[in-house]
Amino acid sequence: MSVLITGSIAYDYIMQFPGYFKEHILPDQIANISVSFHVDTMKKHRGGIATNIAYNLALLGERPRTMAKENLLRMMNEMEV
């Protein structure tokens, strides 16, 4: 079976910082939340909806293809849609 997944293709930035997020939230100031963190590490991973779906289908043994907005627009122009 051939699977084509359309959707966003992006990058996810995974950051680690010491402590817990809840330690930086003041319950009495929840309406005015503004936080900033100093992170120990930051990793860049492929992400986006289409990429995440394709990755998980690949884990299940499928060989999906992805198509993002730019590819879709180019294909539509070639077909004169």
N, C-alpha and C. Protein backbone atom coordinates (compact mmCIF):
# COMPACT_ATOMS: atom_id res chain seq x y z
N MET A 1 0.85 -1.17 0.00
CA MET A 1 0.00 0.00 0.00
C MET A 1 0.89 1.24 0.00
N SER A 2 0.50 2.25 -0.76
CA SER A 2 1.24 3.50 -0.83
C SER A 2 0.52 4.54 0.03
N VAL A 3 1.25 5.16 0.94
CA VAL A 3 0.67 6.15 1.84
C VAL A 3 1.36 7.49 1.62
N LEU A 4 0.57 8.53 1.33
CA LEU A 4 1.08 9.88 1.18
C LEU A 4 0.47 10.74 2.28
N ILE A 5 1.31 11.38 3.08
CA ILE A 5 0.84 12.19 4.21
C ILE A 5 1.11 13.64 3.90
N THR A 6 0.07 14.46 3.96
CA THR A 6 0.24 15.90 3.78
C THR A 6 0.10 16.57 5.14
N GLY A 7 0.82 17.63 5.32
CA GLY A 7 0.78 18.35 6.59
C GLY A 7 2.05 19.13 6.80
N SER A 8 2.21 19.63 7.99
CA SER A 8 3.38 20.46 8.28
C SER A 8 4.62 19.61 8.50
N ILE A 9 5.74 20.17 8.08
CA ILE A 9 7.05 19.59 8.35
C ILE A 9 7.85 20.70 9.01
N ALA A 10 8.33 20.46 10.20
CA ALA A 10 8.97 21.51 10.99
C ALA A 10 10.09 20.91 11.83
N TYR A 11 10.61 21.73 12.71
CA TYR A 11 11.59 21.27 13.69
C TYR A 11 11.02 21.46 15.08
N ASP A 12 11.29 20.50 15.95
CA ASP A 12 10.94 20.61 17.36
C ASP A 12 12.23 20.89 18.13
N TYR A 13 12.18 21.83 19.03
CA TYR A 13 13.33 22.13 19.88
C TYR A 13 13.02 21.61 21.28
N ILE A 14 13.78 20.62 21.70
CA ILE A 14 13.58 20.00 23.01
C ILE A 14 14.63 20.57 23.95
N MET A 15 14.16 21.23 25.01
CA MET A 15 15.07 21.88 25.96
C MET A 15 14.93 21.26 27.34
N GLN A 16 16.03 21.21 28.04
CA GLN A 16 16.01 20.72 29.42
C GLN A 16 16.52 21.83 30.34
N PHE A 17 15.83 22.00 31.44
CA PHE A 17 16.26 22.97 32.44
C PHE A 17 16.12 22.34 33.81
N PRO A 18 16.90 22.81 34.77
CA PRO A 18 16.81 22.22 36.11
C PRO A 18 15.49 22.57 36.78
N GLY A 19 15.00 21.65 37.57
CA GLY A 19 13.77 21.89 38.33
C GLY A 19 12.53 21.51 37.55
N TYR A 20 11.40 22.01 38.03
CA TYR A 20 10.11 21.71 37.44
C TYR A 20 9.43 22.99 36.99
N PHE A 21 8.63 22.89 35.93
CA PHE A 21 7.90 24.04 35.41
C PHE A 21 7.00 24.64 36.49
N LYS A 22 6.37 23.78 37.28
CA LYS A 22 5.44 24.25 38.32
C LYS A 22 6.12 25.12 39.37
N GLU A 23 7.43 25.02 39.50
CA GLU A 23 8.16 25.84 40.48
C GLU A 23 8.26 27.31 40.03
N HIS A 24 7.97 27.58 38.76
CA HIS A 24 8.11 28.93 38.22
C HIS A 24 6.76 29.62 38.03
N ILE A 25 5.67 28.93 38.33
CA ILE A 25 4.33 29.50 38.18
C ILE A 25 3.82 29.94 39.55
N LEU A 26 3.45 31.20 39.64
CA LEU A 26 2.88 31.73 40.88
C LEU A 26 1.36 31.70 40.74
N PRO A 27 0.67 30.89 41.55
CA PRO A 27 -0.79 30.73 41.42
C PRO A 27 -1.57 32.05 41.47
N ASP A 28 -1.11 33.00 42.27
CA ASP A 28 -1.83 34.28 42.36
C ASP A 28 -1.54 35.21 41.18
N GLN A 29 -0.58 34.83 40.32
CA GLN A 29 -0.24 35.64 39.15
C GLN A 29 -0.52 34.91 37.83
N ILE A 30 -1.38 33.90 37.88
CA ILE A 30 -1.62 33.06 36.70
C ILE A 30 -2.20 33.86 35.52
N ALA A 31 -2.92 34.93 35.78
CA ALA A 31 -3.49 35.76 34.71
C ALA A 31 -2.42 36.59 34.01
N ASN A 32 -1.28 36.77 34.65
CA ASN A 32 -0.19 37.58 34.10
C ASN A 32 1.07 36.74 33.93
N ILE A 33 0.93 35.56 33.38
CA ILE A 33 2.06 34.64 33.30
C ILE A 33 3.10 35.12 32.28
N SER A 34 4.33 35.13 32.70
CA SER A 34 5.47 35.46 31.85
C SER A 34 6.67 34.74 32.45
N VAL A 35 7.19 33.77 31.72
CA VAL A 35 8.30 32.99 32.25
C VAL A 35 9.47 33.00 31.28
N SER A 36 10.65 32.80 31.83
CA SER A 36 11.88 32.72 31.06
C SER A 36 12.77 31.71 31.76
N PHE A 37 13.44 30.86 30.99
CA PHE A 37 14.25 29.82 31.58
C PHE A 37 15.66 29.82 31.00
N HIS A 38 16.62 29.50 31.82
CA HIS A 38 17.97 29.23 31.36
C HIS A 38 18.04 27.72 31.17
N VAL A 39 18.28 27.28 29.95
CA VAL A 39 18.26 25.84 29.68
C VAL A 39 19.67 25.27 29.69
N ASP A 40 19.77 24.02 30.15
CA ASP A 40 21.05 23.33 30.16
C ASP A 40 21.40 22.76 28.78
N THR A 41 20.40 22.21 28.10
CA THR A 41 20.62 21.64 26.78
C THR A 41 19.44 21.94 25.88
N MET A 42 19.72 21.97 24.57
CA MET A 42 18.66 22.15 23.59
C MET A 42 19.00 21.27 22.39
N LYS A 43 18.05 20.44 21.99
CA LYS A 43 18.25 19.55 20.84
C LYS A 43 17.21 19.87 19.78
N LYS A 44 17.63 19.80 18.54
CA LYS A 44 16.75 20.07 17.40
C LYS A 44 16.39 18.73 16.76
N HIS A 45 15.08 18.45 16.64
CA HIS A 45 14.59 17.21 16.04
C HIS A 45 13.62 17.54 14.92
N ARG A 46 13.54 16.64 13.95
CA ARG A 46 12.52 16.80 12.92
C ARG A 46 11.15 16.63 13.56
N GLY A 47 10.21 17.46 13.16
CA GLY A 47 8.88 17.39 13.74
C GLY A 47 7.84 17.86 12.75
N GLY A 48 6.70 18.25 13.26
CA GLY A 48 5.58 18.63 12.42
C GLY A 48 4.61 17.47 12.32
N ILE A 49 3.39 17.76 11.98
CA ILE A 49 2.36 16.73 11.97
C ILE A 49 2.67 15.63 10.96
N ALA A 50 2.97 16.01 9.71
CA ALA A 50 3.24 15.00 8.68
C ALA A 50 4.44 14.14 9.04
N THR A 51 5.48 14.76 9.54
CA THR A 51 6.69 14.02 9.91
C THR A 51 6.42 13.05 11.05
N ASN A 52 5.68 13.49 12.06
CA ASN A 52 5.40 12.62 13.21
C ASN A 52 4.52 11.43 12.81
N ILE A 53 3.53 11.67 11.95
CA ILE A 53 2.68 10.57 11.49
C ILE A 53 3.50 9.59 10.66
N ALA A 54 4.32 10.11 9.74
CA ALA A 54 5.15 9.25 8.89
C ALA A 54 6.12 8.43 9.73
N TYR A 55 6.71 9.04 10.73
CA TYR A 55 7.65 8.32 11.60
C TYR A 55 6.96 7.15 12.30
N ASN A 56 5.79 7.41 12.86
CA ASN A 56 5.08 6.35 13.58
C ASN A 56 4.58 5.25 12.65
N LEU A 57 4.16 5.61 11.44
CA LEU A 57 3.78 4.58 10.47
C LEU A 57 4.99 3.74 10.08
N ALA A 58 6.15 4.36 9.98
CA ALA A 58 7.37 3.62 9.66
C ALA A 58 7.70 2.63 10.78
N LEU A 59 7.44 3.02 12.02
CA LEU A 59 7.67 2.10 13.14
C LEU A 59 6.76 0.87 13.03
N LEU A 60 5.61 1.05 12.38
CA LEU A 60 4.67 -0.05 12.19
C LEU A 60 4.94 -0.84 10.90
N GLY A 61 6.02 -0.49 10.20
CA GLY A 61 6.42 -1.24 9.01
C GLY A 61 5.99 -0.64 7.68
N GLU A 62 5.29 0.48 7.69
CA GLU A 62 4.90 1.15 6.44
C GLU A 62 6.06 1.96 5.89
N ARG A 63 5.95 2.38 4.63
CA ARG A 63 6.96 3.23 4.00
C ARG A 63 6.26 4.48 3.46
N PRO A 64 5.77 5.35 4.36
CA PRO A 64 4.99 6.52 3.92
C PRO A 64 5.88 7.59 3.28
N ARG A 65 5.24 8.43 2.47
CA ARG A 65 5.90 9.60 1.91
C ARG A 65 5.18 10.83 2.46
N THR A 66 5.91 11.92 2.57
CA THR A 66 5.31 13.15 3.07
C THR A 66 5.29 14.21 1.97
N MET A 67 4.32 15.08 2.05
CA MET A 67 4.23 16.20 1.12
C MET A 67 3.86 17.44 1.92
N ALA A 68 4.72 18.43 1.87
CA ALA A 68 4.48 19.68 2.59
C ALA A 68 3.87 20.71 1.63
N LYS A 69 3.54 21.83 2.15
CA LYS A 69 2.85 22.89 1.41
C LYS A 69 3.57 23.25 0.10
N GLU A 70 4.86 23.46 0.13
CA GLU A 70 5.60 23.86 -1.06
C GLU A 70 5.52 22.79 -2.14
N ASN A 71 5.66 21.52 -1.76
CA ASN A 71 5.56 20.43 -2.72
C ASN A 71 4.16 20.37 -3.31
N LEU A 72 3.14 20.55 -2.48
CA LEU A 72 1.76 20.48 -2.92
C LEU A 72 1.46 21.61 -3.91
N LEU A 73 1.91 22.83 -3.61
CA LEU A 73 1.67 23.96 -4.51
C LEU A 73 2.38 23.74 -5.84
N ARG A 74 3.61 23.24 -5.82
CA ARG A 74 4.35 22.98 -7.05
C ARG A 74 3.62 21.93 -7.88
N MET A 75 3.14 20.87 -7.26
CA MET A 75 2.43 19.82 -7.96
C MET A 75 1.13 20.33 -8.57
N MET A 76 0.40 21.17 -7.82
CA MET A 76 -0.85 21.72 -8.33
C MET A 76 -0.60 22.62 -9.53
N ASN A 77 0.48 23.42 -9.48
CA ASN A 77 0.82 24.29 -10.61
C ASN A 77 1.17 23.46 -11.84
N GLU A 78 1.87 22.36 -11.64
CA GLU A 78 2.23 21.50 -12.77
C GLU A 78 1.00 20.87 -13.39
N MET A 79 -0.01 20.58 -12.58
CA MET A 79 -1.24 19.97 -13.09
C MET A 79 -2.24 21.02 -13.53
N GLU A 80 -1.89 22.32 -13.35
CA GLU A 80 -2.75 23.45 -13.69
C GLU A 80 -4.08 23.37 -12.97
N VAL A 81 -4.04 23.09 -11.67
CA VAL A 81 -5.26 23.03 -10.85
C VAL A 81 -5.58 24.41 -10.33
